[in-house]
N, C-alpha and C. Protein backbone atom coordinates (compact mmCIF):
# COMPACT_ATOMS: atom_id res chain seq x y z
N UNK A 1 120.23 164.03 65.57
CA UNK A 1 120.77 162.56 65.53
C UNK A 1 121.23 162.25 67.14
N UNK A 2 121.67 163.11 67.88
CA UNK A 2 121.92 162.81 69.03
C UNK A 2 121.19 162.68 70.18
N UNK A 3 119.73 163.26 69.69
CA UNK A 3 118.85 163.02 70.67
C UNK A 3 118.10 161.50 70.21
N UNK A 4 118.14 161.24 69.00
CA UNK A 4 117.66 159.91 68.77
C UNK A 4 118.70 158.71 69.41
N UNK A 5 119.72 159.00 69.34
CA UNK A 5 120.79 158.07 69.77
C UNK A 5 120.52 158.08 71.72
N UNK A 6 120.45 159.34 72.52
CA UNK A 6 119.80 159.23 73.63
C UNK A 6 118.68 158.62 73.74
N UNK A 7 117.88 158.70 72.90
CA UNK A 7 116.34 158.16 72.96
C UNK A 7 116.26 156.36 73.02
N UNK A 8 116.84 155.87 72.08
CA UNK A 8 117.15 154.78 71.99
C UNK A 8 117.91 154.15 72.86
N UNK A 9 119.16 154.72 73.63
CA UNK A 9 119.69 154.29 74.91
C UNK A 9 118.76 154.11 75.97
N UNK A 10 117.98 154.97 76.31
CA UNK A 10 116.92 155.13 77.34
C UNK A 10 116.14 153.93 77.21
N UNK A 11 115.46 154.03 75.82
CA UNK A 11 114.32 153.20 75.85
C UNK A 11 115.13 151.60 76.02
N UNK A 12 116.26 151.54 75.49
CA UNK A 12 117.15 150.05 75.72
C UNK A 12 117.20 150.06 77.50
N UNK A 13 117.63 151.06 78.07
CA UNK A 13 117.99 150.82 79.44
C UNK A 13 116.49 150.26 80.55
N UNK A 14 115.22 151.09 80.01
CA UNK A 14 114.13 151.12 80.36
C UNK A 14 113.62 149.50 80.29
N UNK A 15 113.99 149.07 78.87
CA UNK A 15 113.40 147.44 78.72
C UNK A 15 114.31 146.65 79.34
N UNK A 16 115.46 146.77 79.66
CA UNK A 16 116.67 145.98 80.22
C UNK A 16 116.02 146.09 81.63
N UNK A 17 115.60 147.20 82.34
CA UNK A 17 115.08 147.23 83.80
C UNK A 17 113.85 145.82 84.00
N UNK A 18 113.08 146.23 83.02
CA UNK A 18 111.84 145.74 82.92
C UNK A 18 111.77 144.07 83.11
N UNK A 19 113.04 144.02 81.98
CA UNK A 19 113.11 142.55 81.50
C UNK A 19 113.69 141.99 82.94
N UNK A 20 114.85 142.47 83.58
CA UNK A 20 115.48 141.93 84.77
C UNK A 20 114.83 141.91 85.73
N UNK A 21 114.00 142.86 85.88
CA UNK A 21 113.09 143.28 87.28
C UNK A 21 111.83 142.08 87.33
N UNK A 22 111.22 141.96 86.13
CA UNK A 22 109.94 140.58 86.13
C UNK A 22 110.46 139.34 85.86
N UNK A 23 111.69 139.13 85.69
CA UNK A 23 112.40 137.69 85.70
C UNK A 23 112.42 137.02 86.81
N UNK A 24 111.68 135.78 87.24
CA UNK A 24 112.03 135.11 88.74
C UNK A 24 113.29 134.62 88.92
N UNK A 25 113.89 134.65 90.01
CA UNK A 25 114.78 134.08 90.57
C UNK A 25 115.08 132.46 90.38
N UNK A 26 115.84 132.04 89.99
CA UNK A 26 115.92 130.66 89.59
C UNK A 26 117.02 130.14 90.47
N UNK A 27 116.70 129.13 91.33
CA UNK A 27 117.89 128.32 92.22
C UNK A 27 118.46 127.43 91.01
N UNK A 28 120.09 127.29 91.53
CA UNK A 28 120.70 126.10 90.90
C UNK A 28 119.73 124.64 90.98
N UNK A 29 119.46 124.31 89.93
CA UNK A 29 118.91 122.93 89.76
C UNK A 29 119.50 121.58 90.29
N UNK A 30 119.15 120.98 91.44
CA UNK A 30 119.72 119.88 92.03
C UNK A 30 118.81 118.64 92.10
N UNK A 31 119.08 117.71 91.55
CA UNK A 31 118.19 116.57 91.45
C UNK A 31 118.41 115.96 92.91
N UNK A 32 117.05 115.81 93.39
CA UNK A 32 117.19 115.00 94.94
C UNK A 32 116.63 113.31 94.59
N UNK A 33 117.06 112.32 95.35
CA UNK A 33 116.82 111.00 95.09
C UNK A 33 115.30 111.20 95.41
N UNK A 34 114.47 110.21 94.79
CA UNK A 34 113.22 110.01 95.21
C UNK A 34 113.21 109.43 97.07
N UNK A 35 112.19 110.15 97.52
CA UNK A 35 111.92 109.73 98.78
C UNK A 35 110.87 108.92 99.10
N UNK A 36 110.87 107.54 99.38
CA UNK A 36 109.70 106.57 99.62
C UNK A 36 109.36 106.88 100.88
N UNK A 37 107.90 106.66 100.73
CA UNK A 37 107.04 106.36 102.06
C UNK A 37 107.11 104.84 102.63
N UNK A 38 107.89 105.17 104.03
CA UNK A 38 107.78 103.89 104.64
C UNK A 38 106.42 103.21 104.91
N UNK A 39 105.51 103.89 105.28
CA UNK A 39 104.09 103.58 105.55
C UNK A 39 103.47 102.74 104.45
N UNK A 40 103.43 103.60 103.02
CA UNK A 40 102.73 103.44 101.99
C UNK A 40 103.70 101.74 101.57
N UNK A 41 104.83 101.91 101.59
CA UNK A 41 106.01 100.66 100.99
C UNK A 41 105.29 99.27 101.82
N UNK A 42 105.31 99.32 103.13
CA UNK A 42 104.81 98.51 103.89
C UNK A 42 103.44 98.10 103.46
N UNK A 43 102.48 98.78 103.65
CA UNK A 43 101.08 98.66 103.22
C UNK A 43 100.96 97.73 101.62
N UNK A 44 102.07 98.56 100.70
CA UNK A 44 101.67 97.76 99.34
C UNK A 44 102.79 96.21 99.47
N UNK A 45 103.56 96.12 100.51
CA UNK A 45 104.02 94.95 100.44
C UNK A 45 103.15 93.97 101.15
N UNK A 46 102.68 94.31 102.13
CA UNK A 46 101.58 93.34 102.64
C UNK A 46 100.61 93.21 101.83
N UNK A 47 99.93 94.19 101.35
CA UNK A 47 99.05 93.57 100.24
C UNK A 47 99.31 92.96 99.30
N UNK A 48 100.27 93.04 98.82
CA UNK A 48 100.88 92.19 97.63
C UNK A 48 101.06 90.96 97.87
N UNK A 49 101.65 90.69 99.47
CA UNK A 49 101.50 89.04 100.09
C UNK A 49 100.45 88.71 100.13
N UNK A 50 99.51 89.16 100.51
CA UNK A 50 98.03 88.68 100.94
C UNK A 50 97.15 88.23 99.63
N UNK A 51 97.59 89.05 98.71
CA UNK A 51 96.64 88.91 97.31
C UNK A 51 97.65 87.79 96.85
N UNK A 52 98.67 87.47 96.65
CA UNK A 52 99.69 86.62 95.82
C UNK A 52 100.35 85.55 96.79
N UNK A 53 99.98 85.16 98.21
CA UNK A 53 100.33 84.25 98.91
C UNK A 53 100.34 82.91 98.24
N UNK A 54 99.47 82.57 97.41
CA UNK A 54 99.12 81.22 97.17
C UNK A 54 100.25 80.82 95.78
N UNK A 55 100.64 81.60 95.13
CA UNK A 55 101.65 81.76 94.22
C UNK A 55 103.14 81.69 94.49
N UNK A 56 103.42 82.73 95.53
CA UNK A 56 104.57 83.00 96.04
C UNK A 56 105.08 81.77 96.73
N UNK A 57 104.49 81.03 97.94
CA UNK A 57 104.70 79.95 98.62
C UNK A 57 105.24 78.97 98.02
N UNK A 58 106.61 78.49 98.12
CA UNK A 58 107.31 77.27 97.68
C UNK A 58 106.70 76.03 98.12
N UNK A 59 105.80 76.28 99.06
CA UNK A 59 104.95 74.82 99.57
C UNK A 59 103.59 74.97 99.21
N UNK A 60 103.19 73.73 98.60
CA UNK A 60 101.83 73.86 98.08
C UNK A 60 100.87 73.52 98.97
N UNK A 61 99.38 74.41 98.89
CA UNK A 61 98.82 74.04 100.06
C UNK A 61 98.32 72.38 100.36
N UNK A 62 97.80 72.11 101.27
CA UNK A 62 97.27 70.52 101.25
C UNK A 62 95.76 70.53 101.67
N UNK A 63 95.47 69.47 101.27
CA UNK A 63 94.05 68.90 101.43
C UNK A 63 93.12 69.85 100.97
N UNK A 64 92.97 70.40 100.02
CA UNK A 64 92.20 71.40 99.09
C UNK A 64 91.98 73.02 100.35
N UNK A 65 92.97 72.84 100.43
CA UNK A 65 93.19 74.51 101.48
C UNK A 65 93.92 75.51 101.13
N UNK A 66 93.65 76.71 101.15
CA UNK A 66 94.37 77.63 100.52
C UNK A 66 95.08 78.74 101.41
N UNK A 67 96.16 78.85 100.82
CA UNK A 67 96.84 80.03 102.15
C UNK A 67 96.29 81.12 102.30
N UNK A 68 96.65 81.76 103.60
CA UNK A 68 96.32 82.99 103.91
C UNK A 68 97.41 83.60 104.83
N UNK A 69 97.44 84.75 104.82
CA UNK A 69 98.59 85.46 105.44
C UNK A 69 98.15 85.60 106.79
N UNK A 70 98.97 85.26 107.91
CA UNK A 70 98.30 85.67 109.46
C UNK A 70 98.98 86.64 109.94
N UNK A 71 100.46 86.95 109.80
CA UNK A 71 101.12 88.02 110.00
C UNK A 71 102.22 88.43 108.86
N UNK A 72 102.58 89.70 108.77
CA UNK A 72 103.76 90.24 108.26
C UNK A 72 104.35 91.06 108.73
N UNK A 73 106.01 91.01 108.43
CA UNK A 73 106.32 92.16 109.47
C UNK A 73 107.33 92.64 108.12
N UNK A 74 107.55 93.60 107.72
CA UNK A 74 108.37 94.19 106.77
C UNK A 74 109.47 95.12 107.15
N UNK A 75 110.48 95.32 106.89
CA UNK A 75 111.68 96.19 107.29
C UNK A 75 111.98 96.97 105.90
N UNK A 76 111.74 98.44 105.87
CA UNK A 76 111.68 98.85 104.90
C UNK A 76 113.32 99.67 104.43
N UNK A 77 113.87 99.39 105.52
CA UNK A 77 115.53 99.54 105.25
C UNK A 77 116.09 98.79 104.60
N UNK A 78 115.83 97.22 104.80
CA UNK A 78 116.86 96.16 103.97
C UNK A 78 115.66 95.45 102.97
N UNK A 79 114.45 96.39 102.67
CA UNK A 79 114.01 95.64 101.64
C UNK A 79 113.56 94.25 101.76
N UNK A 80 113.05 93.59 102.91
CA UNK A 80 112.80 92.30 103.23
C UNK A 80 111.82 92.34 104.27
N UNK A 81 111.57 90.80 104.89
CA UNK A 81 110.91 90.64 105.99
C UNK A 81 110.49 89.56 106.46
N UNK A 82 109.47 89.01 106.98
CA UNK A 82 109.02 88.09 107.59
C UNK A 82 107.36 87.66 107.19
N UNK A 83 106.84 86.44 106.81
CA UNK A 83 105.48 86.56 106.46
C UNK A 83 105.13 85.03 107.11
N UNK A 84 104.41 84.90 107.49
CA UNK A 84 103.51 84.03 108.55
C UNK A 84 102.21 83.54 107.72
N UNK A 85 102.18 82.49 107.65
CA UNK A 85 100.88 82.08 106.52
C UNK A 85 100.22 80.56 107.02
N UNK A 86 99.24 80.16 106.38
CA UNK A 86 98.70 78.95 107.08
C UNK A 86 97.50 78.77 105.75
N UNK A 87 97.07 77.02 105.82
CA UNK A 87 96.17 77.12 104.87
C UNK A 87 95.15 76.25 105.35
N UNK A 88 94.93 76.23 106.92
CA UNK A 88 93.92 75.40 107.87
C UNK A 88 94.34 74.11 108.05
N UNK A 89 95.67 73.91 107.86
CA UNK A 89 96.10 72.46 108.25
C UNK A 89 97.73 72.52 108.16
N UNK A 90 98.54 73.35 107.76
CA UNK A 90 99.90 73.38 108.10
C UNK A 90 100.17 75.06 108.20
N UNK A 91 101.37 75.52 108.95
CA UNK A 91 101.68 76.73 109.54
C UNK A 91 103.17 77.04 108.55
N UNK A 92 103.31 78.02 107.94
CA UNK A 92 104.54 78.29 107.67
C UNK A 92 104.93 79.79 107.97
N UNK A 93 106.29 79.90 108.30
CA UNK A 93 107.03 81.03 108.69
C UNK A 93 108.11 81.24 107.68
N UNK A 94 108.09 81.87 106.82
CA UNK A 94 109.20 82.16 105.91
C UNK A 94 109.83 83.65 105.98
N UNK A 95 110.94 83.81 105.48
CA UNK A 95 111.65 85.41 105.16
C UNK A 95 111.47 85.47 103.66
N UNK A 96 111.45 86.89 103.31
CA UNK A 96 111.41 87.35 101.84
C UNK A 96 112.09 88.76 101.57
N UNK A 97 112.60 88.74 100.43
CA UNK A 97 113.09 90.28 99.75
C UNK A 97 112.10 90.45 98.51
N UNK A 98 112.35 91.60 98.81
CA UNK A 98 111.45 92.58 97.45
C UNK A 98 111.92 93.64 97.18
N UNK A 99 111.38 93.97 95.71
CA UNK A 99 111.81 95.47 95.03
C UNK A 99 110.95 96.02 94.83
N UNK A 100 110.76 97.42 94.70
CA UNK A 100 109.88 98.30 94.56
C UNK A 100 110.30 99.16 93.22
N UNK A 101 109.00 99.88 92.51
CA UNK A 101 109.33 100.70 91.84
C UNK A 101 109.30 102.27 92.08
N UNK A 102 109.48 103.26 91.90
CA UNK A 102 109.88 104.54 92.14
C UNK A 102 108.35 104.97 92.66
N UNK A 103 107.16 104.44 92.39
CA UNK A 103 106.00 104.50 92.85
C UNK A 103 105.62 103.91 94.13
N UNK A 104 106.36 103.11 94.73
CA UNK A 104 106.56 102.30 95.70
C UNK A 104 105.31 101.08 95.48
N UNK A 105 105.48 100.91 94.11
CA UNK A 105 104.55 99.65 94.03
C UNK A 105 105.71 98.33 94.10
N UNK A 106 105.31 97.12 94.44
CA UNK A 106 106.17 96.01 94.56
C UNK A 106 106.54 95.76 93.10
N UNK A 107 107.52 95.29 92.85
CA UNK A 107 107.95 94.98 91.93
C UNK A 107 108.56 93.71 91.42
N UNK A 108 108.66 93.13 92.60
CA UNK A 108 109.08 91.51 92.78
C UNK A 108 109.29 91.13 94.13
N UNK A 109 108.90 89.77 94.43
CA UNK A 109 109.22 89.41 96.05
C UNK A 109 109.47 87.99 95.77
N UNK A 110 110.38 87.63 96.54
CA UNK A 110 110.99 86.03 96.91
C UNK A 110 110.76 85.74 97.86
N UNK A 111 110.05 84.54 98.11
CA UNK A 111 109.92 84.14 99.55
C UNK A 111 110.99 83.24 99.72
N UNK A 112 111.94 82.90 100.89
CA UNK A 112 112.99 81.93 100.77
C UNK A 112 112.69 80.81 101.59
């Protein structure tokens, strides 16, 4: 009976050693805030402005012209910038603010 008990304890010890030796070490979980890519954010905002300037502009284009973006300045720290655009007849320079999603996509943009 003692031999069986010693054998069971020995097998349990060996199984425990294999279990803990093969178990990967896990660091405490820390959730980091999403890091945005400023270059991608600027490119997405500029692209969004270029594609939607006719809709976003508070002033309609005149004499059958179509708005197109001439220059964009984006400040990713303040989620704002300046856009200069024209329709061939008039030139506008406006400030704007924007919001992004976690994927650095423009969720909204307002021209002031």
